[in-house]
PDB file of N, CA and C in Angstrom:
ATOM      1  N   MET A   1     159.007 -45.374-105.554  1.00  0.00           N
ATOM      2  CA  MET A   1     158.254 -44.710-105.140  1.00  0.00           C
ATOM      3  C   MET A   1     157.629 -45.179-104.013  1.00  0.00           C
ATOM      4  N   ALA A   2     157.335 -43.739-102.570  1.00  0.00           N
ATOM      5  CA  ALA A   2     156.461 -44.140-101.459  1.00  0.00           C
ATOM      6  C   ALA A   2     155.402 -44.870-101.810  1.00  0.00           C
ATOM      7  N   SER A   3     154.622 -45.174-100.942  1.00  0.00           N
ATOM      8  CA  SER A   3     153.585 -45.127-101.264  1.00  0.00           C
ATOM      9  C   SER A   3     152.723 -44.454-100.460  1.00  0.00           C
ATOM     10  N   PRO A   4     151.152 -44.755-100.808  1.00  0.00           N
ATOM     11  CA  PRO A   4     150.325 -43.577-100.654  1.00  0.00           C
ATOM     12  C   PRO A   4     150.490 -43.172 -98.593  1.00  0.00           C
ATOM     13  N   GLY A   5     150.349 -42.088 -98.419  1.00  0.00           N
ATOM     14  CA  GLY A   5     150.122 -42.276 -96.848  1.00  0.00           C
ATOM     15  C   GLY A   5     151.615 -41.837 -96.486  1.00  0.00           C
ATOM     16  N   ALA A   6     152.486 -42.265 -97.453  1.00  0.00           N
ATOM     17  CA  ALA A   6     154.254 -42.638 -96.346  1.00  0.00           C
ATOM     18  C   ALA A   6     154.927 -41.065 -96.543  1.00  0.00           C
ATOM     19  N   GLU A   7     155.997 -41.063 -96.043  1.00  0.00           N
ATOM     20  CA  GLU A   7     156.813 -39.442 -95.231  1.00  0.00           C
ATOM     21  C   GLU A   7     157.638 -39.611 -95.988  1.00  0.00           C
ATOM     22  N   ILE A   8     158.328 -38.853 -96.653  1.00  0.00           N
ATOM     23  CA  ILE A   8     159.551 -38.947 -96.951  1.00  0.00           C
ATOM     24  C   ILE A   8     160.925 -37.736 -96.295  1.00  0.00           C
ATOM     25  N   VAL A   9     161.469 -38.379 -95.267  1.00  0.00           N
ATOM     26  CA  VAL A   9     162.286 -37.009 -94.330  1.00  0.00           C
ATOM     27  C   VAL A   9     163.503 -37.107 -94.956  1.00  0.00           C
ATOM     28  N   ALA A  10     164.247 -36.612 -94.915  1.00  0.00           N
ATOM     29  CA  ALA A  10     165.536 -36.095 -95.105  1.00  0.00           C
ATOM     30  C   ALA A  10     166.292 -35.405 -93.580  1.00  0.00           C
ATOM     31  N   GLY A  11     167.544 -36.036 -93.440  1.00  0.00           N
ATOM     32  CA  GLY A  11     168.994 -35.266 -92.414  1.00  0.00           C
ATOM     33  C   GLY A  11     170.022 -35.707 -92.735  1.00  0.00           C
ATOM     34  N   GLN A  12     170.821 -35.102 -91.056  1.00  0.00           N
ATOM     35  CA  GLN A  12     171.822 -35.333 -91.024  1.00  0.00           C
ATOM     36  C   GLN A  12     172.385 -35.682 -89.676  1.00  0.00           C
ATOM     37  N   PHE A  13     173.246 -36.170 -89.532  1.00  0.00           N
ATOM     38  CA  PHE A  13     174.140 -36.272 -88.619  1.00  0.00           C
ATOM     39  C   PHE A  13     175.275 -36.437 -88.299  1.00  0.00           C
ATOM     40  N   ILE A  14     175.983 -35.737 -87.268  1.00  0.00           N
ATOM     41  CA  ILE A  14     177.691 -36.267 -87.177  1.00  0.00           C
ATOM     42  C   ILE A  14     177.697 -37.570 -86.415  1.00  0.00           C
ATOM     43  N   ALA A  15     178.448 -38.646 -87.067  1.00  0.00           N
ATOM     44  CA  ALA A  15     178.847 -39.522 -86.454  1.00  0.00           C
ATOM     45  C   ALA A  15     179.411 -39.379 -85.286  1.00  0.00           C
ATOM     46  N   THR A  16     179.224 -40.680 -84.393  1.00  0.00           N
ATOM     47  CA  THR A  16     180.359 -40.885 -83.041  1.00  0.00           C
ATOM     48  C   THR A  16     181.263 -42.147 -83.466  1.00  0.00           C
ATOM     49  N   GLY A  17     180.940 -42.949 -84.089  1.00  0.00           N
ATOM     50  CA  GLY A  17     181.506 -44.213 -84.259  1.00  0.00           C
ATOM     51  C   GLY A  17     181.002 -45.269 -83.633  1.00  0.00           C
ATOM     52  N   ALA A  18     180.506 -45.148 -82.467  1.00  0.00           N
ATOM     53  CA  ALA A  18     179.637 -46.015 -81.690  1.00  0.00           C
ATOM     54  C   ALA A  18     177.977 -45.327 -81.757  1.00  0.00           C
ATOM     55  N   ALA A  19     177.352 -46.878 -81.318  1.00  0.00           N
ATOM     56  CA  ALA A  19     175.734 -46.214 -81.654  1.00  0.00           C
ATOM     57  C   ALA A  19     175.344 -45.300 -81.135  1.00  0.00           C
ATOM     58  N   TYR A  20     173.884 -44.825 -82.768  1.00  0.00           N
ATOM     59  CA  TYR A  20     173.926 -43.275 -82.312  1.00  0.00           C
ATOM     60  C   TYR A  20     172.359 -43.427 -82.932  1.00  0.00           C
ATOM     61  N   ALA A  21     171.832 -42.871 -82.065  1.00  0.00           N
ATOM     62  CA  ALA A  21     170.506 -42.980 -82.102  1.00  0.00           C
ATOM     63  C   ALA A  21     169.579 -41.605 -83.103  1.00  0.00           C
ATOM     64  N   VAL A  22     168.736 -41.701 -84.080  1.00  0.00           N
ATOM     65  CA  VAL A  22     168.434 -40.892 -84.062  1.00  0.00           C
ATOM     66  C   VAL A  22     166.517 -40.987 -84.356  1.00  0.00           C
ATOM     67  N   LYS A  23     166.276 -39.776 -83.329  1.00  0.00           N
ATOM     68  CA  LYS A  23     164.697 -40.155 -83.005  1.00  0.00           C
ATOM     69  C   LYS A  23     163.875 -38.961 -82.946  1.00  0.00           C
ATOM     70  N   THR A  24     163.759 -38.417 -84.825  1.00  0.00           N
ATOM     71  CA  THR A  24     163.218 -37.574 -85.181  1.00  0.00           C
ATOM     72  C   THR A  24     162.271 -37.785 -86.234  1.00  0.00           C
ATOM     73  N   LEU A  25     162.175 -39.176 -86.345  1.00  0.00           N
ATOM     74  CA  LEU A  25     161.179 -38.944 -87.415  1.00  0.00           C
ATOM     75  C   LEU A  25     159.102 -39.680 -87.315  1.00  0.00           C
ATOM     76  N   PRO A  26     158.460 -39.039 -88.265  1.00  0.00           N
ATOM     77  CA  PRO A  26     157.005 -38.699 -87.824  1.00  0.00           C
ATOM     78  C   PRO A  26     157.107 -40.417 -87.693  1.00  0.00           C
ATOM     79  N   SER A  27     156.723 -41.354 -88.323  1.00  0.00           N
ATOM     80  CA  SER A  27     156.666 -42.494 -87.936  1.00  0.00           C
ATOM     81  C   SER A  27     157.421 -44.016 -88.542  1.00  0.00           C
ATOM     82  N   ALA A  28     156.888 -45.169 -88.124  1.00  0.00           N
ATOM     83  CA  ALA A  28     158.309 -46.510 -88.614  1.00  0.00           C
ATOM     84  C   ALA A  28     158.692 -46.161 -89.976  1.00  0.00           C
ATOM     85  N   VAL A  29     160.356 -46.894 -89.911  1.00  0.00           N
ATOM     86  CA  VAL A  29     161.219 -46.670 -91.110  1.00  0.00           C
ATOM     87  C   VAL A  29     160.655 -47.761 -92.333  1.00  0.00           C
ATOM     88  N   LYS A  30     160.350 -47.481 -93.264  1.00  0.00           N
ATOM     89  CA  LYS A  30     159.739 -48.717 -93.912  1.00  0.00           C
ATOM     90  C   LYS A  30     161.070 -48.899 -95.051  1.00  0.00           C
ATOM     91  N   SER A  31     161.926 -47.929 -95.425  1.00  0.00           N
ATOM     92  CA  SER A  31     163.451 -48.294 -95.935  1.00  0.00           C
ATOM     93  C   SER A  31     163.959 -46.981 -95.866  1.00  0.00           C
ATOM     94  N   LEU A  32     165.875 -47.026 -95.506  1.00  0.00           N
ATOM     95  CA  LEU A  32     165.941 -45.996 -94.841  1.00  0.00           C
ATOM     96  C   LEU A  32     167.944 -45.534 -96.201  1.00  0.00           C
ATOM     97  N   THR A  33     168.405 -44.746 -96.208  1.00  0.00           N
ATOM     98  CA  THR A  33     169.474 -44.635 -97.456  1.00  0.00           C
ATOM     99  C   THR A  33     170.602 -44.149 -96.755  1.00  0.00           C
ATOM    100  N   MET A  34     171.285 -43.925 -96.159  1.00  0.00           N
ATOM    101  CA  MET A  34     172.705 -42.751 -95.661  1.00  0.00           C
ATOM    102  C   MET A  34     173.724 -42.564 -96.359  1.00  0.00           C
ATOM    103  N   ARG A  35     174.365 -41.890 -96.430  1.00  0.00           N
ATOM    104  CA  ARG A  35     175.590 -41.874 -97.366  1.00  0.00           C
ATOM    105  C   ARG A  35     176.684 -41.292 -96.650  1.00  0.00           C
ATOM    106  N   VAL A  36     177.750 -41.605 -97.233  1.00  0.00           N
ATOM    107  CA  VAL A  36     178.983 -40.680 -95.706  1.00  0.00           C
ATOM    108  C   VAL A  36     179.987 -40.666 -96.589  1.00  0.00           C
ATOM    109  N   GLY A  37     180.541 -39.132 -97.256  1.00  0.00           N
ATOM    110  CA  GLY A  37     182.015 -39.809 -97.916  1.00  0.00           C
ATOM    111  C   GLY A  37     181.227 -40.441 -99.498  1.00  0.00           C
ATOM    112  N   GLY A  38     182.136 -41.134-100.012  1.00  0.00           N
ATOM    113  CA  GLY A  38     181.873 -42.226-101.217  1.00  0.00           C
ATOM    114  C   GLY A  38     181.068 -43.451-100.500  1.00  0.00           C
ATOM    115  N   LEU A  39     180.792 -43.292 -99.237  1.00  0.00           N
ATOM    116  CA  LEU A  39     179.790 -44.619 -99.047  1.00  0.00           C
ATOM    117  C   LEU A  39     178.430 -44.298 -98.794  1.00  0.00           C
ATOM    118  N   GLU A  40     178.064 -45.567 -99.093  1.00  0.00           N
ATOM    119  CA  GLU A  40     176.215 -45.514 -98.837  1.00  0.00           C
ATOM    120  C   GLU A  40     175.829 -46.948 -98.533  1.00  0.00           C
ATOM    121  N   ALA A  41     174.750 -46.657 -97.450  1.00  0.00           N
ATOM    122  CA  ALA A  41     173.944 -48.067 -96.684  1.00  0.00           C
ATOM    123  C   ALA A  41     172.868 -47.580 -96.470  1.00  0.00           C
ATOM    124  N   THR A  42     171.663 -48.856 -96.951  1.00  0.00           N
ATOM    125  CA  THR A  42     170.745 -49.185 -97.187  1.00  0.00           C
ATOM    126  C   THR A  42     169.837 -49.973 -96.321  1.00  0.00           C
ATOM    127  N   TYR A  43     168.594 -49.694 -95.701  1.00  0.00           N
ATOM    128  CA  TYR A  43     168.019 -50.544 -94.468  1.00  0.00           C
ATOM    129  C   TYR A  43     166.440 -50.733 -95.488  1.00  0.00           C
ATOM    130  N   THR A  44     165.950 -52.072 -95.248  1.00  0.00           N
ATOM    131  CA  THR A  44     164.376 -52.211 -95.452  1.00  0.00           C
ATOM    132  C   THR A  44     163.997 -52.998 -94.543  1.00  0.00           C
ATOM    133  N   LYS A  45     162.823 -52.321 -93.890  1.00  0.00           N
ATOM    134  CA  LYS A  45     162.296 -52.821 -93.495  1.00  0.00           C
ATOM    135  C   LYS A  45     161.962 -54.696 -93.039  1.00  0.00           C
ATOM    136  N   THR A  46     162.121 -55.160 -94.461  1.00  0.00           N
ATOM    137  CA  THR A  46     162.139 -56.750 -94.660  1.00  0.00           C
ATOM    138  C   THR A  46     163.626 -57.268 -94.150  1.00  0.00           C
ATOM    139  N   MET A  47     164.510 -56.183 -94.137  1.00  0.00           N
ATOM    140  CA  MET A  47     165.865 -56.752 -92.990  1.00  0.00           C
ATOM    141  C   MET A  47     165.818 -56.756 -91.568  1.00  0.00           C
ATOM    142  N   ALA A  48     166.627 -57.955 -91.400  1.00  0.00           N
ATOM    143  CA  ALA A  48     166.951 -58.654 -89.868  1.00  0.00           C
ATOM    144  C   ALA A  48     167.531 -56.619 -89.172  1.00  0.00           C
ATOM    145  N   ASP A  49     166.718 -56.364 -87.479  1.00  0.00           N
ATOM    146  CA  ASP A  49     166.933 -55.347 -86.981  1.00  0.00           C
ATOM    147  C   ASP A  49     168.655 -55.695 -86.475  1.00  0.00           C
ATOM    148  N   GLY A  50     169.679 -54.328 -87.209  1.00  0.00           N
ATOM    149  CA  GLY A  50     170.872 -54.386 -86.944  1.00  0.00           C
ATOM    150  C   GLY A  50     171.601 -54.577 -87.796  1.00  0.00           C
ATOM    151  N   SER A  51     170.755 -54.739 -89.032  1.00  0.00           N
ATOM    152  CA  SER A  51     171.739 -54.716 -90.688  1.00  0.00           C
ATOM    153  C   SER A  51     171.413 -53.811 -91.619  1.00  0.00           C
ATOM    154  N   MET A  52     172.043 -53.863 -92.548  1.00  0.00           N
ATOM    155  CA  MET A  52     172.132 -53.006 -93.490  1.00  0.00           C
ATOM    156  C   MET A  52     172.845 -53.561 -94.646  1.00  0.00           C
ATOM    157  N   TYR A  53     172.545 -52.735 -96.064  1.00  0.00           N
ATOM    158  CA  TYR A  53     174.085 -53.508 -97.561  1.00  0.00           C
ATOM    159  C   TYR A  53     175.053 -52.239 -97.843  1.00  0.00           C
ATOM    160  N   LYS A  54     175.610 -52.478 -97.055  1.00  0.00           N
ATOM    161  CA  LYS A  54     176.726 -51.316 -97.203  1.00  0.00           C
ATOM    162  C   LYS A  54     177.347 -51.025 -99.050  1.00  0.00           C
ATOM    163  N   ARG A  55     177.783 -49.889 -99.251  1.00  0.00           N
ATOM    164  CA  ARG A  55     178.177 -49.995-100.649  1.00  0.00           C
ATOM    165  C   ARG A  55     179.721 -49.266-100.505  1.00  0.00           C
ATOM    166  N   LEU A  56     180.800 -49.204-100.480  1.00  0.00           N
ATOM    167  CA  LEU A  56     182.016 -48.411-100.470  1.00  0.00           C
ATOM    168  C   LEU A  56     182.563 -47.931-101.580  1.00  0.00           C
ATOM    169  N   ALA A  57     183.785 -47.050-101.077  1.00  0.00           N
ATOM    170  CA  ALA A  57     183.632 -46.009-102.666  1.00  0.00           C
ATOM    171  C   ALA A  57     184.621 -46.921-103.763  1.00  0.00           C
ATOM    172  N   ASN A  58     184.882 -48.559-103.458  1.00  0.00           N
ATOM    173  CA  ASN A  58     185.433 -48.928-104.400  1.00  0.00           C
ATOM    174  C   ASN A  58     184.521 -49.768-105.275  1.00  0.00           C
ATOM    175  N   GLY A  59     183.523 -50.225-104.836  1.00  0.00           N
ATOM    176  CA  GLY A  59     182.125 -50.615-105.501  1.00  0.00           C
ATOM    177  C   GLY A  59     182.068 -51.674-104.947  1.00  0.00           C
ATOM    178  N   THR A  60     182.540 -52.131-104.122  1.00  0.00           N
ATOM    179  CA  THR A  60     182.068 -53.723-103.618  1.00  0.00           C
ATOM    180  C   THR A  60     181.093 -53.379-102.333  1.00  0.00           C
ATOM    181  N   GLY A  61     180.208 -54.263-101.943  1.00  0.00           N
ATOM    182  CA  GLY A  61     179.322 -54.184-101.535  1.00  0.00           C
ATOM    183  C   GLY A  61     179.515 -55.347 -99.995  1.00  0.00           C
ATOM    184  N   SER A  62     178.680 -55.459 -99.192  1.00  0.00           N
ATOM    185  CA  SER A  62     178.135 -56.437 -98.492  1.00  0.00           C
ATOM    186  C   SER A  62     177.486 -56.021 -97.265  1.00  0.00           C
ATOM    187  N   LEU A  63     177.043 -57.038 -97.034  1.00  0.00           N
ATOM    188  CA  LEU A  63     175.587 -57.225 -95.853  1.00  0.00           C
ATOM    189  C   LEU A  63     175.860 -57.282 -94.439  1.00  0.00           C
ATOM    190  N   VAL A  64     175.775 -55.983 -93.533  1.00  0.00           N
ATOM    191  CA  VAL A  64     176.035 -56.044 -92.217  1.00  0.00           C
ATOM    192  C   VAL A  64     175.563 -56.531 -91.225  1.00  0.00           C
ATOM    193  N   THR A  65     175.805 -57.278 -90.416  1.00  0.00           N
ATOM    194  CA  THR A  65     174.759 -57.714 -89.691  1.00  0.00           C
ATOM    195  C   THR A  65     175.461 -58.136 -87.977  1.00  0.00           C
ATOM    196  N   GLY A  66     174.478 -58.569 -87.259  1.00  0.00           N
ATOM    197  CA  GLY A  66     174.822 -58.558 -85.656  1.00  0.00           C
ATOM    198  C   GLY A  66     174.804 -57.386 -84.954  1.00  0.00           C
ATOM    199  N   GLY A  67     174.143 -56.734 -85.520  1.00  0.00           N
ATOM    200  CA  GLY A  67     173.699 -54.992 -84.953  1.00  0.00           C
ATOM    201  C   GLY A  67     174.894 -54.232 -85.121  1.00  0.00           C
ATOM    202  N   ASN A  68     175.599 -54.395 -86.229  1.00  0.00           N
ATOM    203  CA  ASN A  68     176.600 -52.901 -86.566  1.00  0.00           C
ATOM    204  C   ASN A  68     176.001 -51.987 -87.430  1.00  0.00           C
ATOM    205  N   GLY A  69     174.582 -52.603 -88.356  1.00  0.00           N
ATOM    206  CA  GLY A  69     173.808 -51.666 -88.887  1.00  0.00           C
ATOM    207  C   GLY A  69     173.365 -51.072 -88.416  1.00  0.00           C
ATOM    208  N   ILE A  70     171.193 -51.014 -89.187  1.00  0.00           N
ATOM    209  CA  ILE A  70     170.729 -50.052 -88.803  1.00  0.00           C
ATOM    210  C   ILE A  70     168.977 -50.930 -88.195  1.00  0.00           C
ATOM    211  N   THR A  71     169.198 -50.515 -86.999  1.00  0.00           N
ATOM    212  CA  THR A  71     167.732 -50.610 -86.260  1.00  0.00           C
ATOM    213  C   THR A  71     166.468 -49.508 -86.143  1.00  0.00           C
ATOM    214  N   PRO A  72     165.276 -49.896 -86.157  1.00  0.00           N
ATOM    215  CA  PRO A  72     164.460 -49.389 -86.520  1.00  0.00           C
ATOM    216  C   PRO A  72     164.400 -49.290 -84.881  1.00  0.00           C
ATOM    217  N   SER A  73     163.637 -47.778 -84.627  1.00  0.00           N
ATOM    218  CA  SER A  73     163.065 -47.232 -82.758  1.00  0.00           C
ATOM    219  C   SER A  73     162.101 -48.095 -82.559  1.00  0.00           C
ATOM    220  N   PRO A  74     161.602 -48.778 -81.293  1.00  0.00           N
ATOM    221  CA  PRO A  74     160.617 -49.586 -81.028  1.00  0.00           C
ATOM    222  C   PRO A  74     160.103 -48.735 -81.209  1.00  0.00           C
ATOM    223  N   THR A  75     159.988 -47.231 -80.712  1.00  0.00           N
ATOM    224  CA  THR A  75     158.942 -46.503 -80.587  1.00  0.00           C
ATOM    225  C   THR A  75     158.626 -45.609 -81.692  1.00  0.00           C
ATOM    226  N   HIS A  76     158.824 -46.442 -83.020  1.00  0.00           N
ATOM    227  CA  HIS A  76     158.904 -45.660 -84.382  1.00  0.00           C
ATOM    228  C   HIS A  76     158.108 -44.220 -84.611  1.00  0.00           C
ATOM    229  N   ASP A  77     159.696 -44.056 -84.400  1.00  0.00           N
ATOM    230  CA  ASP A  77     160.071 -42.468 -84.476  1.00  0.00           C
ATOM    231  C   ASP A  77     162.173 -41.977 -84.391  1.00  0.00           C
ATOM    232  N   GLY A  78     162.233 -43.331 -85.056  1.00  0.00           N
ATOM    233  CA  GLY A  78     163.295 -43.207 -85.806  1.00  0.00           C
ATOM    234  C   GLY A  78     164.436 -44.679 -86.197  1.00  0.00           C
ATOM    235  N   PHE A  79     165.528 -44.229 -85.537  1.00  0.00           N
ATOM    236  CA  PHE A  79     166.779 -45.759 -85.641  1.00  0.00           C
ATOM    237  C   PHE A  79     168.052 -45.322 -85.191  1.00  0.00           C
ATOM    238  N   THR A  80     168.635 -46.448 -85.160  1.00  0.00           N
ATOM    239  CA  THR A  80     170.093 -46.509 -84.580  1.00  0.00           C
ATOM    240  C   THR A  80     171.040 -47.100 -85.793  1.00  0.00           C
ATOM    241  N   LEU A  81     171.987 -46.281 -85.794  1.00  0.00           N
ATOM    242  CA  LEU A  81     172.727 -46.760 -87.160  1.00  0.00           C
ATOM    243  C   LEU A  81     174.358 -47.474 -85.674  1.00  0.00           C
ATOM    244  N   GLY A  82     174.542 -48.218 -85.893  1.00  0.00           N
ATOM    245  CA  GLY A  82     175.199 -49.026 -85.239  1.00  0.00           C
ATOM    246  C   GLY A  82     176.724 -49.007 -85.599  1.00  0.00           C
ATOM    247  N   ALA A  83     177.568 -49.591 -85.090  1.00  0.00           N
ATOM    248  CA  ALA A  83     178.976 -48.878 -84.952  1.00  0.00           C
ATOM    249  C   ALA A  83     179.787 -49.827 -85.720  1.00  0.00           C
ATOM    250  N   ASP A  84     179.164 -49.508 -87.199  1.00  0.00           N
ATOM    251  CA  ASP A  84     179.521 -50.416 -88.483  1.00  0.00           C
ATOM    252  C   ASP A  84     181.034 -49.274 -88.836  1.00  0.00           C
ATOM    253  N   ALA A  85     182.249 -49.625 -88.967  1.00  0.00           N
ATOM    254  CA  ALA A  85     183.857 -49.109 -89.038  1.00  0.00           C
ATOM    255  C   ALA A  85     183.924 -48.214 -89.909  1.00  0.00           C
ATOM    256  N   ASP A  86     183.072 -48.478 -91.227  1.00  0.00           N
ATOM    257  CA  ASP A  86     182.663 -47.957 -92.526  1.00  0.00           C
ATOM    258  C   ASP A  86     181.883 -46.618 -92.878  1.00  0.00           C
ATOM    259  N   ILE A  87     180.851 -46.913 -92.010  1.00  0.00           N
ATOM    260  CA  ILE A  87     179.948 -45.825 -92.150  1.00  0.00           C
ATOM    261  C   ILE A  87     179.568 -44.929 -90.845  1.00  0.00           C
ATOM    262  N   ASN A  88     179.357 -45.033 -89.533  1.00  0.00           N
ATOM    263  CA  ASN A  88     179.668 -44.559 -88.497  1.00  0.00           C
ATOM    264  C   ASN A  88     181.411 -44.266 -88.450  1.00  0.00           C
ATOM    265  N   VAL A  89     182.393 -43.746 -88.915  1.00  0.00           N
ATOM    266  CA  VAL A  89     183.086 -43.196 -88.496  1.00  0.00           C
ATOM    267  C   VAL A  89     182.821 -41.469 -87.529  1.00  0.00           C
ATOM    268  N   ALA A  90     183.455 -41.318 -86.634  1.00  0.00           N
ATOM    269  CA  ALA A  90     183.166 -40.271 -85.696  1.00  0.00           C
ATOM    270  C   ALA A  90     184.073 -39.476 -86.421  1.00  0.00           C
ATOM    271  N   GLY A  91     182.825 -38.340 -86.151  1.00  0.00           N
ATOM    272  CA  GLY A  91     183.022 -36.905 -86.822  1.00  0.00           C
ATOM    273  C   GLY A  91     182.778 -36.342 -88.359  1.00  0.00           C
ATOM    274  N   ALA A  92     182.405 -37.793 -89.479  1.00  0.00           N
ATOM    275  CA  ALA A  92     182.161 -37.534 -90.295  1.00  0.00           C
ATOM    276  C   ALA A  92     180.224 -37.488 -90.272  1.00  0.00           C
ATOM    277  N   LEU A  93     180.427 -36.685 -91.257  1.00  0.00           N
ATOM    278  CA  LEU A  93     178.902 -36.272 -91.591  1.00  0.00           C
ATOM    279  C   LEU A  93     177.793 -36.981 -92.231  1.00  0.00           C
ATOM    280  N   ILE A  94     177.075 -37.577 -91.687  1.00  0.00           N
ATOM    281  CA  ILE A  94     176.199 -38.192 -92.614  1.00  0.00           C
ATOM    282  C   ILE A  94     174.706 -37.649 -93.027  1.00  0.00           C
ATOM    283  N   ASP A  95     174.185 -38.348 -94.708  1.00  0.00           N
ATOM    284  CA  ASP A  95     172.868 -37.438 -95.244  1.00  0.00           C
ATOM    285  C   ASP A  95     172.424 -38.812 -94.744  1.00  0.00           C
ATOM    286  N   TYR A  96     171.197 -38.760 -94.400  1.00  0.00           N
ATOM    287  CA  TYR A  96     169.638 -39.880 -94.456  1.00  0.00           C
ATOM    288  C   TYR A  96     168.880 -39.220 -95.341  1.00  0.00           C
ATOM    289  N   ILE A  97     168.307 -40.355 -95.733  1.00  0.00           N
ATOM    290  CA  ILE A  97     166.315 -40.058 -96.541  1.00  0.00           C
ATOM    291  C   ILE A  97     166.011 -41.781 -95.673  1.00  0.00           C
ATOM    292  N   ALA A  98     164.641 -41.343 -95.111  1.00  0.00           N
ATOM    293  CA  ALA A  98     164.024 -42.160 -94.623  1.00  0.00           C
ATOM    294  C   ALA A  98     162.622 -42.321 -95.102  1.00  0.00           C
ATOM    295  N   ILE A  99     162.241 -43.121 -95.992  1.00  0.00           N
ATOM    296  CA  ILE A  99     160.544 -43.054 -95.670  1.00  0.00           C
ATOM    297  C   ILE A  99     160.238 -44.332 -94.831  1.00  0.00           C
ATOM    298  N   CYS A 100     159.040 -42.694 -94.195  1.00  0.00           N
ATOM    299  CA  CYS A 100     158.493 -43.624 -93.076  1.00  0.00           C
ATOM    300  C   CYS A 100     156.840 -44.012 -93.581  1.00  0.00           C
ATOM    301  N   GLU A 101     156.495 -44.954 -92.624  1.00  0.00           N
ATOM    302  CA  GLU A 101     155.154 -45.457 -92.920  1.00  0.00           C
ATOM    303  C   GLU A 101     153.911 -44.438 -92.119  1.00  0.00           C
TER     304      GLU A 101
END
C-alpha cells in the first residue's frame, strides 16, 4: 500500500534496446514495477542506482547491477531503464507502475 501523499502512476513506452529515459512522473520514484511480455522487473529506492530485480518467463530471477537496471532521475521526475537485454528489447511495449513520493 502506498504511503499517505504518494502517487501511483501507470504508463507505457516502447523499448529501444539502449538506455531509455521516462520523464513524466510527478515526483521521486519510491518503487517501480515494469512488465514486458512474460518478464517483470522491480526497483525500490533502497536499491543501488542502475539495478533492478528481474523475473524471467521460466520463473528464474536475478539482480541486475552495473547500470543496466533502473536509475531514478536526479531531477525527481522519472527514471532511466538501462540496456538490460531481457527487459529492454527494442520495439517491445513496456508497461510500468510507479509509486512516487
